[in-house]
Amino acid sequence: MKTIDSIKSLALTLLIVAGFALKGTEAHAAQTETLTVAGGCFWCVEADFEKVPGVKEVVSGYTGGSVSNPSYKQVVAGNTGHYEAVQIQFDPDVVSREALLNDFLRSVDPTDAGGQFCDRGDSYRTAIFVSNAEEKALAQAALAKAQAELGQAIVTPILSAGTFYEAEAYHQDYYKSSGLVITRAGPKTKASAYKFYRQACGRDHRVRQLWGNAAPFAGS
């Protein structure tokens, strides 16, 4: 009898431990939130936000359009309605959505409705994507704050979040890849090609021109 009671007691203890472990896993998962934004070239937005403490991962992709599983060539051709965008996975206990929105708006030219920097066309426009009323309110507040600070009309829209399609594997972490590509300046690693592109495109110059010391990533 004592043996049976001991087994029951052990089984109950294991169930309790398993329950706490499951709750811990659920709590950890709940600490990860997602912010989806479009800020022109997704290589640059990814490179910027992966440096932010509290950001766990940034994924480049496409969203906002009508074509399922679009390719990069389709999106940049302008026939899908998609934006080049990123999904930022972050821990809200470390960095808030509000802080990320503020950084995002100061890392782009939100006064430009035709693209970003040297990249022109619909796929390179800016946008903030939201999933609920709370996210929309935070985005509206961030836009109002940025417009008041900048003193110019901001055209970055707030859009309802839809399906996000991950971009091709070669686009992910492009800014730190060692793979070789051919550029106008000759063969370069992707990391070097990214730096060359970012400087030539004038992204940091324009952001500093607009935001001055409030630009969080210019020159990174």
N, C-alpha and C. Protein backbone atom coordinates (compact mmCIF):
# COMPACT_ATOMS: atom_id res chain seq x y z
N MET A 1 0.84 -1.21 0.00
CA MET A 1 0.00 0.00 0.00
C MET A 1 0.86 1.25 0.00
N LYS A 2 1.91 1.21 0.82
CA LYS A 2 2.80 2.37 0.88
C LYS A 2 3.47 2.61 -0.46
N THR A 3 3.79 1.51 -1.16
CA THR A 3 4.44 1.65 -2.47
C THR A 3 3.51 2.34 -3.47
N ILE A 4 2.22 1.93 -3.45
CA ILE A 4 1.24 2.54 -4.35
C ILE A 4 1.07 4.02 -4.03
N ASP A 5 1.00 4.35 -2.73
CA ASP A 5 0.87 5.75 -2.32
C ASP A 5 2.09 6.56 -2.75
N SER A 6 3.26 5.95 -2.67
CA SER A 6 4.49 6.64 -3.06
C SER A 6 4.49 6.93 -4.56
N ILE A 7 4.02 5.93 -5.31
CA ILE A 7 3.96 6.11 -6.77
C ILE A 7 2.98 7.22 -7.13
N LYS A 8 1.81 7.22 -6.45
CA LYS A 8 0.82 8.27 -6.69
C LYS A 8 1.38 9.65 -6.36
N SER A 9 2.08 9.71 -5.23
CA SER A 9 2.68 10.98 -4.80
C SER A 9 3.71 11.48 -5.79
N LEU A 10 4.54 10.55 -6.28
CA LEU A 10 5.56 10.91 -7.28
C LEU A 10 4.91 11.39 -8.57
N ALA A 11 3.85 10.66 -8.99
CA ALA A 11 3.16 11.04 -10.22
C ALA A 11 2.56 12.43 -10.10
N LEU A 12 1.96 12.72 -8.94
CA LEU A 12 1.37 14.04 -8.72
C LEU A 12 2.42 15.12 -8.75
N THR A 13 3.56 14.85 -8.14
CA THR A 13 4.67 15.82 -8.13
C THR A 13 5.15 16.12 -9.55
N LEU A 14 5.28 15.05 -10.36
CA LEU A 14 5.72 15.23 -11.74
C LEU A 14 4.72 16.04 -12.55
N LEU A 15 3.43 15.82 -12.30
CA LEU A 15 2.40 16.60 -13.01
C LEU A 15 2.47 18.07 -12.63
N ILE A 16 2.69 18.33 -11.35
CA ILE A 16 2.79 19.72 -10.89
C ILE A 16 4.01 20.40 -11.52
N VAL A 17 5.15 19.69 -11.53
CA VAL A 17 6.37 20.25 -12.13
C VAL A 17 6.15 20.52 -13.61
N ALA A 18 5.50 19.54 -14.29
CA ALA A 18 5.23 19.73 -15.72
C ALA A 18 4.32 20.91 -15.97
N GLY A 19 3.35 21.11 -15.07
CA GLY A 19 2.44 22.24 -15.20
C GLY A 19 3.15 23.57 -15.08
N PHE A 20 4.06 23.66 -14.10
CA PHE A 20 4.84 24.90 -13.95
C PHE A 20 5.74 25.14 -15.15
N ALA A 21 6.33 24.07 -15.67
CA ALA A 21 7.20 24.20 -16.85
C ALA A 21 6.42 24.72 -18.04
N LEU A 22 5.18 24.18 -18.23
CA LEU A 22 4.34 24.61 -19.34
C LEU A 22 3.96 26.07 -19.20
N LYS A 23 3.61 26.47 -17.97
CA LYS A 23 3.26 27.87 -17.74
C LYS A 23 4.46 28.78 -18.02
N GLY A 24 5.65 28.31 -17.64
CA GLY A 24 6.85 29.10 -17.89
C GLY A 24 7.10 29.27 -19.37
N THR A 25 6.87 28.19 -20.14
CA THR A 25 7.05 28.26 -21.59
C THR A 25 6.04 29.20 -22.22
N GLU A 26 4.78 29.12 -21.75
CA GLU A 26 3.74 30.01 -22.28
C GLU A 26 4.04 31.46 -21.94
N ALA A 27 4.54 31.70 -20.73
CA ALA A 27 4.88 33.08 -20.33
C ALA A 27 6.01 33.62 -21.18
N HIS A 28 7.00 32.74 -21.47
CA HIS A 28 8.12 33.18 -22.30
C HIS A 28 7.64 33.53 -23.71
N ALA A 29 6.75 32.67 -24.25
CA ALA A 29 6.22 32.94 -25.59
C ALA A 29 5.42 34.23 -25.61
N ALA A 30 4.70 34.50 -24.53
CA ALA A 30 3.87 35.69 -24.46
C ALA A 30 4.71 36.96 -24.42
N GLN A 31 5.98 36.83 -24.07
CA GLN A 31 6.85 38.00 -23.97
C GLN A 31 7.36 38.45 -25.34
N THR A 32 7.08 37.68 -26.36
CA THR A 32 7.50 38.06 -27.70
C THR A 32 6.33 38.66 -28.47
N GLU A 33 6.51 39.90 -28.95
CA GLU A 33 5.51 40.56 -29.77
C GLU A 33 6.11 40.85 -31.14
N THR A 34 5.25 41.22 -32.07
CA THR A 34 5.68 41.46 -33.44
C THR A 34 5.26 42.85 -33.90
N LEU A 35 6.19 43.55 -34.51
CA LEU A 35 5.92 44.84 -35.16
C LEU A 35 6.29 44.68 -36.62
N THR A 36 5.36 45.00 -37.51
CA THR A 36 5.62 44.91 -38.95
C THR A 36 5.63 46.31 -39.55
N VAL A 37 6.73 46.66 -40.21
CA VAL A 37 6.87 47.98 -40.81
C VAL A 37 7.52 47.85 -42.18
N ALA A 38 7.29 48.85 -43.01
CA ALA A 38 7.96 48.96 -44.31
C ALA A 38 8.72 50.27 -44.33
N GLY A 39 10.00 50.18 -44.65
CA GLY A 39 10.84 51.38 -44.62
C GLY A 39 11.81 51.46 -45.77
N GLY A 40 11.33 51.09 -46.97
CA GLY A 40 12.24 51.05 -48.10
C GLY A 40 12.96 49.72 -48.15
N CYS A 41 14.21 49.72 -48.53
CA CYS A 41 15.00 48.50 -48.64
C CYS A 41 14.99 47.71 -47.33
N PHE A 42 14.48 46.47 -47.38
CA PHE A 42 14.37 45.72 -46.13
C PHE A 42 15.72 45.29 -45.58
N TRP A 43 16.76 45.24 -46.41
CA TRP A 43 18.09 44.95 -45.88
C TRP A 43 18.46 45.98 -44.81
N CYS A 44 18.17 47.25 -45.11
CA CYS A 44 18.57 48.34 -44.21
C CYS A 44 17.75 48.34 -42.92
N VAL A 45 16.45 48.12 -43.04
CA VAL A 45 15.60 48.11 -41.86
C VAL A 45 15.98 46.93 -40.95
N GLU A 46 16.25 45.79 -41.56
CA GLU A 46 16.67 44.62 -40.80
C GLU A 46 17.98 44.90 -40.08
N ALA A 47 18.95 45.46 -40.78
CA ALA A 47 20.25 45.76 -40.18
C ALA A 47 20.12 46.73 -39.02
N ASP A 48 19.26 47.72 -39.16
CA ASP A 48 19.07 48.71 -38.10
C ASP A 48 18.49 48.09 -36.84
N PHE A 49 17.39 47.38 -37.00
CA PHE A 49 16.64 46.94 -35.82
C PHE A 49 17.23 45.71 -35.14
N GLU A 50 18.06 44.96 -35.84
CA GLU A 50 18.71 43.84 -35.16
C GLU A 50 19.75 44.32 -34.15
N LYS A 51 20.07 45.61 -34.18
CA LYS A 51 21.02 46.18 -33.21
C LYS A 51 20.32 46.64 -31.92
N VAL A 52 19.00 46.67 -31.91
CA VAL A 52 18.27 47.23 -30.78
C VAL A 52 18.15 46.20 -29.66
N PRO A 53 18.58 46.53 -28.44
CA PRO A 53 18.40 45.61 -27.31
C PRO A 53 16.92 45.28 -27.11
N GLY A 54 16.63 44.01 -26.93
CA GLY A 54 15.25 43.58 -26.77
C GLY A 54 14.64 43.03 -28.04
N VAL A 55 15.26 43.33 -29.18
CA VAL A 55 14.81 42.76 -30.45
C VAL A 55 15.44 41.38 -30.60
N LYS A 56 14.60 40.38 -30.79
CA LYS A 56 15.08 39.00 -30.86
C LYS A 56 15.42 38.57 -32.28
N GLU A 57 14.64 39.05 -33.23
CA GLU A 57 14.85 38.66 -34.62
C GLU A 57 14.14 39.64 -35.53
N VAL A 58 14.71 39.87 -36.70
CA VAL A 58 14.05 40.68 -37.73
C VAL A 58 14.07 39.87 -39.03
N VAL A 59 12.90 39.73 -39.63
CA VAL A 59 12.76 38.93 -40.85
C VAL A 59 12.32 39.83 -42.00
N SER A 60 13.01 39.75 -43.11
CA SER A 60 12.64 40.51 -44.30
C SER A 60 11.57 39.77 -45.09
N GLY A 61 10.64 40.54 -45.66
CA GLY A 61 9.58 39.88 -46.43
C GLY A 61 8.72 40.87 -47.19
N TYR A 62 7.54 40.41 -47.55
CA TYR A 62 6.61 41.19 -48.35
C TYR A 62 5.22 41.13 -47.73
N THR A 63 4.52 42.27 -47.74
CA THR A 63 3.16 42.28 -47.22
C THR A 63 2.39 43.47 -47.81
N GLY A 64 1.07 43.42 -47.65
CA GLY A 64 0.23 44.53 -48.10
C GLY A 64 -0.34 44.40 -49.49
N GLY A 65 0.03 43.31 -50.19
CA GLY A 65 -0.42 43.17 -51.57
C GLY A 65 -1.47 42.09 -51.75
N SER A 66 -1.68 41.72 -53.01
CA SER A 66 -2.76 40.78 -53.34
C SER A 66 -2.27 39.47 -53.92
N VAL A 67 -0.98 39.31 -54.08
CA VAL A 67 -0.43 38.10 -54.68
C VAL A 67 0.13 37.18 -53.60
N SER A 68 -0.23 35.91 -53.65
CA SER A 68 0.27 34.95 -52.67
C SER A 68 1.70 34.52 -53.01
N ASN A 69 2.52 34.41 -51.97
CA ASN A 69 3.91 33.95 -52.13
C ASN A 69 4.65 34.65 -53.26
N PRO A 70 4.69 35.98 -53.23
CA PRO A 70 5.35 36.70 -54.33
C PRO A 70 6.87 36.53 -54.28
N SER A 71 7.49 36.65 -55.42
CA SER A 71 8.95 36.64 -55.50
C SER A 71 9.46 38.08 -55.43
N TYR A 72 10.74 38.22 -55.17
CA TYR A 72 11.35 39.56 -55.13
C TYR A 72 11.16 40.28 -56.47
N LYS A 73 11.37 39.56 -57.56
CA LYS A 73 11.24 40.18 -58.88
C LYS A 73 9.81 40.68 -59.12
N GLN A 74 8.83 39.91 -58.68
CA GLN A 74 7.44 40.34 -58.84
C GLN A 74 7.16 41.59 -58.03
N VAL A 75 7.65 41.62 -56.80
CA VAL A 75 7.36 42.75 -55.91
C VAL A 75 7.99 44.04 -56.42
N VAL A 76 9.28 43.99 -56.78
CA VAL A 76 9.95 45.22 -57.22
C VAL A 76 9.46 45.67 -58.59
N ALA A 77 8.85 44.75 -59.36
CA ALA A 77 8.27 45.15 -60.65
C ALA A 77 7.02 45.99 -60.45
N GLY A 78 6.45 45.95 -59.25
CA GLY A 78 5.32 46.79 -58.93
C GLY A 78 3.97 46.23 -59.31
N ASN A 79 3.90 44.93 -59.52
CA ASN A 79 2.63 44.35 -59.98
C ASN A 79 1.87 43.58 -58.90
N THR A 80 2.34 43.60 -57.66
CA THR A 80 1.71 42.79 -56.62
C THR A 80 1.03 43.61 -55.53
N GLY A 81 1.37 44.89 -55.42
CA GLY A 81 0.83 45.73 -54.35
C GLY A 81 1.56 45.57 -53.03
N HIS A 82 2.54 44.67 -52.99
CA HIS A 82 3.27 44.42 -51.75
C HIS A 82 4.32 45.50 -51.48
N TYR A 83 4.59 45.66 -50.20
CA TYR A 83 5.70 46.48 -49.72
C TYR A 83 6.87 45.55 -49.37
N GLU A 84 8.10 46.03 -49.55
CA GLU A 84 9.22 45.38 -48.88
C GLU A 84 9.08 45.74 -47.41
N ALA A 85 9.01 44.75 -46.56
CA ALA A 85 8.72 45.00 -45.15
C ALA A 85 9.56 44.09 -44.27
N VAL A 86 9.50 44.34 -42.98
CA VAL A 86 10.16 43.46 -42.01
C VAL A 86 9.20 43.18 -40.86
N GLN A 87 9.36 42.01 -40.28
CA GLN A 87 8.70 41.69 -39.02
C GLN A 87 9.75 41.71 -37.92
N ILE A 88 9.50 42.55 -36.93
CA ILE A 88 10.43 42.70 -35.81
C ILE A 88 9.86 41.94 -34.61
N GLN A 89 10.55 40.89 -34.19
CA GLN A 89 10.14 40.13 -33.02
C GLN A 89 10.88 40.72 -31.81
N PHE A 90 10.13 41.13 -30.79
CA PHE A 90 10.78 41.82 -29.67
C PHE A 90 10.18 41.42 -28.33
N ASP A 91 10.96 41.66 -27.28
CA ASP A 91 10.54 41.40 -25.91
C ASP A 91 10.04 42.71 -25.32
N PRO A 92 8.74 42.86 -25.07
CA PRO A 92 8.20 44.13 -24.57
C PRO A 92 8.67 44.48 -23.16
N ASP A 93 9.25 43.51 -22.45
CA ASP A 93 9.81 43.81 -21.14
C ASP A 93 11.15 44.54 -21.26
N VAL A 94 11.74 44.48 -22.45
CA VAL A 94 13.04 45.12 -22.68
C VAL A 94 12.90 46.38 -23.52
N VAL A 95 12.11 46.30 -24.59
CA VAL A 95 11.89 47.46 -25.46
C VAL A 95 10.40 47.52 -25.82
N SER A 96 9.83 48.70 -25.75
CA SER A 96 8.40 48.85 -25.99
C SER A 96 8.10 49.02 -27.47
N ARG A 97 6.86 48.72 -27.84
CA ARG A 97 6.39 48.98 -29.21
C ARG A 97 6.49 50.47 -29.53
N GLU A 98 6.16 51.29 -28.55
CA GLU A 98 6.23 52.74 -28.74
C GLU A 98 7.65 53.17 -29.09
N ALA A 99 8.65 52.64 -28.38
CA ALA A 99 10.04 53.00 -28.65
C ALA A 99 10.47 52.55 -30.04
N LEU A 100 10.05 51.35 -30.44
CA LEU A 100 10.40 50.85 -31.77
C LEU A 100 9.74 51.68 -32.87
N LEU A 101 8.50 52.08 -32.66
CA LEU A 101 7.82 52.94 -33.63
C LEU A 101 8.52 54.28 -33.76
N ASN A 102 8.92 54.85 -32.62
CA ASN A 102 9.63 56.13 -32.66
C ASN A 102 10.94 55.99 -33.42
N ASP A 103 11.69 54.91 -33.16
CA ASP A 103 12.94 54.68 -33.87
C ASP A 103 12.70 54.47 -35.36
N PHE A 104 11.67 53.73 -35.68
CA PHE A 104 11.37 53.47 -37.09
C PHE A 104 11.13 54.76 -37.86
N LEU A 105 10.27 55.61 -37.34
CA LEU A 105 9.93 56.84 -38.05
C LEU A 105 11.13 57.77 -38.22
N ARG A 106 12.10 57.66 -37.31
CA ARG A 106 13.29 58.49 -37.38
C ARG A 106 14.44 57.80 -38.12
N SER A 107 14.13 56.64 -38.70
CA SER A 107 15.13 55.93 -39.49
C SER A 107 14.78 55.94 -40.97
N VAL A 108 13.69 56.64 -41.32
CA VAL A 108 13.23 56.71 -42.71
C VAL A 108 12.89 58.17 -43.04
N ASP A 109 12.48 58.38 -44.28
CA ASP A 109 11.95 59.68 -44.70
C ASP A 109 10.43 59.53 -44.81
N PRO A 110 9.70 59.82 -43.74
CA PRO A 110 8.26 59.62 -43.75
C PRO A 110 7.50 60.71 -44.50
N THR A 111 8.23 61.64 -45.12
CA THR A 111 7.59 62.67 -45.92
C THR A 111 7.54 62.29 -47.41
N ASP A 112 8.14 61.15 -47.76
CA ASP A 112 8.27 60.74 -49.16
C ASP A 112 7.24 59.66 -49.47
N ALA A 113 6.31 59.98 -50.36
CA ALA A 113 5.25 59.03 -50.72
C ALA A 113 5.60 58.16 -51.93
N GLY A 114 6.75 58.42 -52.53
CA GLY A 114 7.10 57.73 -53.78
C GLY A 114 8.16 56.66 -53.66
N GLY A 115 8.57 56.37 -52.44
CA GLY A 115 9.64 55.40 -52.24
C GLY A 115 10.54 55.87 -51.12
N GLN A 116 11.76 55.36 -51.07
CA GLN A 116 12.71 55.77 -50.06
C GLN A 116 14.10 55.94 -50.65
N PHE A 117 14.60 57.17 -50.53
CA PHE A 117 15.97 57.47 -50.93
C PHE A 117 16.15 57.17 -52.43
N CYS A 118 17.11 56.33 -52.81
CA CYS A 118 17.29 56.09 -54.25
C CYS A 118 16.33 55.04 -54.79
N ASP A 119 15.62 54.36 -53.91
CA ASP A 119 14.69 53.31 -54.33
C ASP A 119 13.30 53.90 -54.53
N ARG A 120 12.81 53.85 -55.76
CA ARG A 120 11.54 54.46 -56.09
C ARG A 120 10.52 53.39 -56.45
N GLY A 121 9.26 53.72 -56.25
CA GLY A 121 8.21 52.78 -56.60
C GLY A 121 7.41 52.34 -55.39
N ASP A 122 6.25 51.77 -55.64
CA ASP A 122 5.31 51.42 -54.57
C ASP A 122 5.90 50.45 -53.54
N SER A 123 6.73 49.51 -53.99
CA SER A 123 7.23 48.50 -53.06
C SER A 123 8.19 49.08 -52.03
N TYR A 124 8.69 50.29 -52.28
CA TYR A 124 9.65 50.91 -51.37
C TYR A 124 9.03 52.00 -50.49
N ARG A 125 7.70 52.11 -50.50
CA ARG A 125 7.06 53.12 -49.65
C ARG A 125 7.12 52.70 -48.18
N THR A 126 6.91 53.66 -47.31
CA THR A 126 6.87 53.37 -45.88
C THR A 126 5.44 53.04 -45.44
N ALA A 127 5.33 52.27 -44.37
CA ALA A 127 4.02 51.94 -43.80
C ALA A 127 4.22 51.29 -42.44
N ILE A 128 3.20 51.40 -41.61
CA ILE A 128 3.14 50.69 -40.33
C ILE A 128 1.91 49.79 -40.38
N PHE A 129 2.08 48.53 -40.06
CA PHE A 129 0.99 47.56 -40.12
C PHE A 129 0.54 47.20 -38.71
N VAL A 130 -0.77 47.23 -38.49
CA VAL A 130 -1.31 47.00 -37.14
C VAL A 130 -2.36 45.89 -37.17
N SER A 131 -2.50 45.22 -36.01
CA SER A 131 -3.41 44.07 -35.92
C SER A 131 -4.63 44.32 -35.05
N ASN A 132 -4.62 45.40 -34.28
CA ASN A 132 -5.75 45.67 -33.38
C ASN A 132 -5.80 47.15 -33.04
N ALA A 133 -6.83 47.53 -32.27
CA ALA A 133 -7.05 48.94 -31.95
C ALA A 133 -5.92 49.51 -31.10
N GLU A 134 -5.39 48.71 -30.20
CA GLU A 134 -4.31 49.20 -29.34
C GLU A 134 -3.06 49.51 -30.16
N GLU A 135 -2.70 48.61 -31.07
CA GLU A 135 -1.54 48.86 -31.92
C GLU A 135 -1.77 50.07 -32.81
N LYS A 136 -2.99 50.25 -33.31
CA LYS A 136 -3.31 51.40 -34.15
C LYS A 136 -3.16 52.69 -33.36
N ALA A 137 -3.64 52.71 -32.12
CA ALA A 137 -3.55 53.91 -31.29
C ALA A 137 -2.09 54.28 -31.03
N LEU A 138 -1.24 53.28 -30.77
CA LEU A 138 0.18 53.54 -30.54
C LEU A 138 0.84 54.08 -31.80
N ALA A 139 0.47 53.53 -32.95
CA ALA A 139 1.03 54.01 -34.21
C ALA A 139 0.59 55.44 -34.50
N GLN A 140 -0.67 55.75 -34.24
CA GLN A 140 -1.17 57.11 -34.46
C GLN A 140 -0.45 58.10 -33.55
N ALA A 141 -0.22 57.71 -32.32
CA ALA A 141 0.49 58.59 -31.39
C ALA A 141 1.93 58.82 -31.84
N ALA A 142 2.57 57.76 -32.32
CA ALA A 142 3.95 57.88 -32.80
C ALA A 142 4.03 58.79 -34.01
N LEU A 143 3.07 58.67 -34.93
CA LEU A 143 3.05 59.53 -36.11
C LEU A 143 2.82 60.99 -35.73
N ALA A 144 1.91 61.23 -34.80
CA ALA A 144 1.62 62.59 -34.37
C ALA A 144 2.85 63.22 -33.71
N LYS A 145 3.51 62.44 -32.89
CA LYS A 145 4.72 62.93 -32.21
C LYS A 145 5.82 63.24 -33.20
N ALA A 146 6.02 62.36 -34.18
CA ALA A 146 7.05 62.57 -35.18
C ALA A 146 6.75 63.78 -36.05
N GLN A 147 5.50 63.95 -36.43
CA GLN A 147 5.12 65.09 -37.26
C GLN A 147 5.32 66.40 -36.52
N ALA A 148 4.97 66.42 -35.23
CA ALA A 148 5.16 67.63 -34.43
C ALA A 148 6.64 67.96 -34.31
N GLU A 149 7.45 66.94 -34.14
CA GLU A 149 8.90 67.14 -34.00
C GLU A 149 9.53 67.59 -35.31
N LEU A 150 9.08 66.97 -36.40
CA LEU A 150 9.68 67.27 -37.70
C LEU A 150 9.17 68.59 -38.28
N GLY A 151 7.91 68.93 -38.00
CA GLY A 151 7.34 70.15 -38.54
C GLY A 151 6.99 70.04 -40.01
N GLN A 152 6.84 68.81 -40.49
CA GLN A 152 6.44 68.57 -41.87
C GLN A 152 5.37 67.49 -41.89
N ALA A 153 4.58 67.48 -42.97
CA ALA A 153 3.53 66.47 -43.09
C ALA A 153 4.14 65.09 -43.30
N ILE A 154 3.69 64.14 -42.52
CA ILE A 154 4.14 62.76 -42.65
C ILE A 154 3.10 61.98 -43.44
N VAL A 155 3.58 61.21 -44.44
CA VAL A 155 2.66 60.49 -45.32
C VAL A 155 2.67 58.98 -45.07
N THR A 156 3.45 58.52 -44.12
CA THR A 156 3.49 57.09 -43.79
C THR A 156 2.11 56.63 -43.32
N PRO A 157 1.48 55.68 -44.00
CA PRO A 157 0.14 55.24 -43.59
C PRO A 157 0.18 54.17 -42.51
N ILE A 158 -0.92 54.04 -41.80
CA ILE A 158 -1.15 52.93 -40.89
C ILE A 158 -2.12 51.99 -41.59
N LEU A 159 -1.70 50.75 -41.80
CA LEU A 159 -2.48 49.79 -42.57
C LEU A 159 -2.79 48.55 -41.74
N SER A 160 -3.89 47.91 -42.04
CA SER A 160 -4.24 46.67 -41.36
C SER A 160 -3.28 45.56 -41.77
N ALA A 161 -2.78 44.84 -40.79
CA ALA A 161 -1.83 43.77 -41.07
C ALA A 161 -2.50 42.64 -41.83
N GLY A 162 -1.79 42.13 -42.81
CA GLY A 162 -2.28 40.98 -43.57
C GLY A 162 -1.22 39.89 -43.54
N THR A 163 -1.27 39.00 -44.50
CA THR A 163 -0.29 37.92 -44.56
C THR A 163 1.10 38.48 -44.85
N PHE A 164 2.06 38.01 -44.08
CA PHE A 164 3.46 38.40 -44.29
C PHE A 164 4.18 37.21 -44.91
N TYR A 165 4.81 37.44 -46.07
CA TYR A 165 5.54 36.39 -46.76
C TYR A 165 7.03 36.63 -46.59
N GLU A 166 7.73 35.66 -46.05
CA GLU A 166 9.17 35.80 -45.88
C GLU A 166 9.85 35.91 -47.24
N ALA A 167 10.81 36.81 -47.33
CA ALA A 167 11.58 36.95 -48.56
C ALA A 167 12.51 35.76 -48.75
N GLU A 168 13.04 35.64 -49.93
CA GLU A 168 13.96 34.56 -50.25
C GLU A 168 15.12 34.51 -49.26
N ALA A 169 15.68 33.34 -49.07
CA ALA A 169 16.71 33.13 -48.05
C ALA A 169 17.90 34.07 -48.25
N TYR A 170 18.26 34.38 -49.49
CA TYR A 170 19.46 35.20 -49.71
C TYR A 170 19.26 36.65 -49.26
N HIS A 171 18.01 37.05 -49.00
CA HIS A 171 17.77 38.40 -48.51
C HIS A 171 17.92 38.49 -46.99
N GLN A 172 17.80 37.38 -46.29
CA GLN A 172 17.84 37.42 -44.83
C GLN A 172 19.28 37.68 -44.35
N ASP A 173 19.42 38.63 -43.43
CA ASP A 173 20.75 38.98 -42.88
C ASP A 173 21.75 39.32 -43.98
N TYR A 174 21.27 39.94 -45.04
CA TYR A 174 22.13 40.28 -46.17
C TYR A 174 23.30 41.14 -45.72
N TYR A 175 23.05 42.03 -44.77
CA TYR A 175 24.04 43.02 -44.37
C TYR A 175 25.26 42.42 -43.68
N LYS A 176 25.18 41.15 -43.27
CA LYS A 176 26.32 40.53 -42.60
C LYS A 176 26.73 39.21 -43.25
N SER A 177 26.25 38.98 -44.48
CA SER A 177 26.56 37.74 -45.17
C SER A 177 27.93 37.81 -45.84
N SER A 178 28.60 36.66 -45.88
CA SER A 178 29.93 36.59 -46.50
C SER A 178 29.87 36.14 -47.95
N GLY A 179 28.67 35.85 -48.45
CA GLY A 179 28.54 35.42 -49.84
C GLY A 179 28.99 36.49 -50.81
N LEU A 180 29.48 36.10 -51.98
CA LEU A 180 30.00 37.04 -52.97
C LEU A 180 28.93 37.44 -53.98
N VAL A 181 28.95 38.73 -54.36
CA VAL A 181 28.07 39.24 -55.40
C VAL A 181 28.86 40.19 -56.29
N ILE A 182 28.35 40.40 -57.51
CA ILE A 182 28.99 41.34 -58.43
C ILE A 182 28.28 42.68 -58.33
N THR A 183 29.04 43.75 -58.09
CA THR A 183 28.48 45.09 -58.00
C THR A 183 29.13 45.99 -59.06
N ARG A 184 28.66 47.21 -59.13
CA ARG A 184 29.27 48.17 -60.05
C ARG A 184 30.72 48.44 -59.69
N ALA A 185 31.07 48.18 -58.44
CA ALA A 185 32.45 48.38 -57.98
C ALA A 185 33.24 47.07 -58.01
N GLY A 186 32.70 46.04 -58.67
CA GLY A 186 33.40 44.77 -58.77
C GLY A 186 32.87 43.76 -57.76
N PRO A 187 33.49 42.58 -57.67
CA PRO A 187 33.04 41.54 -56.74
C PRO A 187 33.20 42.00 -55.28
N LYS A 188 32.18 41.75 -54.49
CA LYS A 188 32.22 42.10 -53.07
C LYS A 188 31.46 41.05 -52.28
N THR A 189 31.78 40.94 -50.99
CA THR A 189 30.92 40.14 -50.14
C THR A 189 29.59 40.87 -50.02
N LYS A 190 28.54 40.14 -49.66
CA LYS A 190 27.24 40.78 -49.50
C LYS A 190 27.30 41.88 -48.44
N ALA A 191 28.07 41.65 -47.37
CA ALA A 191 28.20 42.65 -46.32
C ALA A 191 28.82 43.93 -46.87
N SER A 192 29.85 43.79 -47.68
CA SER A 192 30.49 44.97 -48.28
C SER A 192 29.58 45.62 -49.32
N ALA A 193 28.89 44.79 -50.08
CA ALA A 193 27.97 45.32 -51.09
C ALA A 193 26.85 46.10 -50.42
N TYR A 194 26.38 45.59 -49.28
CA TYR A 194 25.34 46.29 -48.53
C TYR A 194 25.82 47.67 -48.09
N LYS A 195 27.00 47.76 -47.54
CA LYS A 195 27.54 49.05 -47.09
C LYS A 195 27.69 50.01 -48.26
N PHE A 196 28.17 49.49 -49.40
CA PHE A 196 28.33 50.31 -50.60
C PHE A 196 26.97 50.84 -51.06
N TYR A 197 25.98 49.94 -51.09
CA TYR A 197 24.63 50.33 -51.52
C TYR A 197 24.05 51.38 -50.58
N ARG A 198 24.16 51.15 -49.27
CA ARG A 198 23.54 52.06 -48.31
C ARG A 198 24.12 53.47 -48.44
N GLN A 199 25.43 53.55 -48.61
CA GLN A 199 26.05 54.87 -48.76
C GLN A 199 25.66 55.52 -50.08
N ALA A 200 25.71 54.73 -51.16
CA ALA A 200 25.40 55.28 -52.48
C ALA A 200 23.95 55.71 -52.59
N CYS A 201 23.07 55.04 -51.86
CA CYS A 201 21.65 55.34 -51.94
C CYS A 201 21.30 56.62 -51.17
N GLY A 202 22.18 57.07 -50.30
CA GLY A 202 21.96 58.31 -49.58
C GLY A 202 21.02 58.20 -48.40
N ARG A 203 20.81 56.99 -47.91
CA ARG A 203 19.86 56.78 -46.81
C ARG A 203 20.26 57.57 -45.56
N ASP A 204 21.46 57.36 -45.09
CA ASP A 204 21.88 58.00 -43.84
C ASP A 204 21.99 59.52 -43.98
N HIS A 205 22.42 59.97 -45.14
CA HIS A 205 22.52 61.41 -45.37
C HIS A 205 21.15 62.08 -45.24
N ARG A 206 20.16 61.49 -45.89
CA ARG A 206 18.81 62.07 -45.85
C ARG A 206 18.19 61.98 -44.46
N VAL A 207 18.40 60.87 -43.78
CA VAL A 207 17.84 60.71 -42.44
C VAL A 207 18.46 61.73 -41.48
N ARG A 208 19.77 61.93 -41.57
CA ARG A 208 20.42 62.94 -40.72
C ARG A 208 19.92 64.34 -41.07
N GLN A 209 19.69 64.58 -42.36
CA GLN A 209 19.18 65.88 -42.80
C GLN A 209 17.83 66.17 -42.18
N LEU A 210 16.98 65.14 -42.12
CA LEU A 210 15.64 65.30 -41.56
C LEU A 210 15.62 65.35 -40.04
N TRP A 211 16.31 64.39 -39.42
CA TRP A 211 16.14 64.15 -37.99
C TRP A 211 17.32 64.58 -37.12
N GLY A 212 18.45 64.89 -37.74
CA GLY A 212 19.60 65.32 -36.94
C GLY A 212 20.00 64.28 -35.90
N ASN A 213 20.23 64.74 -34.69
CA ASN A 213 20.66 63.85 -33.62
C ASN A 213 19.59 62.85 -33.15
N ALA A 214 18.36 63.07 -33.60
CA ALA A 214 17.28 62.14 -33.23
C ALA A 214 17.27 60.89 -34.08
N ALA A 215 18.10 60.87 -35.15
CA ALA A 215 18.18 59.69 -36.01
C ALA A 215 18.95 58.59 -35.28
N PRO A 216 18.31 57.46 -35.00
CA PRO A 216 18.95 56.44 -34.15
C PRO A 216 19.97 55.57 -34.85
N PHE A 217 19.89 55.45 -36.18
CA PHE A 217 20.73 54.48 -36.86
C PHE A 217 21.63 55.07 -37.95
N ALA A 218 21.49 56.32 -38.27
CA ALA A 218 22.24 56.91 -39.38
C ALA A 218 23.73 56.70 -39.17
N GLY A 219 24.35 56.13 -40.18
CA GLY A 219 25.78 55.86 -40.09
C GLY A 219 26.10 54.49 -39.58
N SER A 220 25.06 53.67 -39.28
CA SER A 220 25.31 52.33 -38.74
C SER A 220 25.53 51.33 -39.85
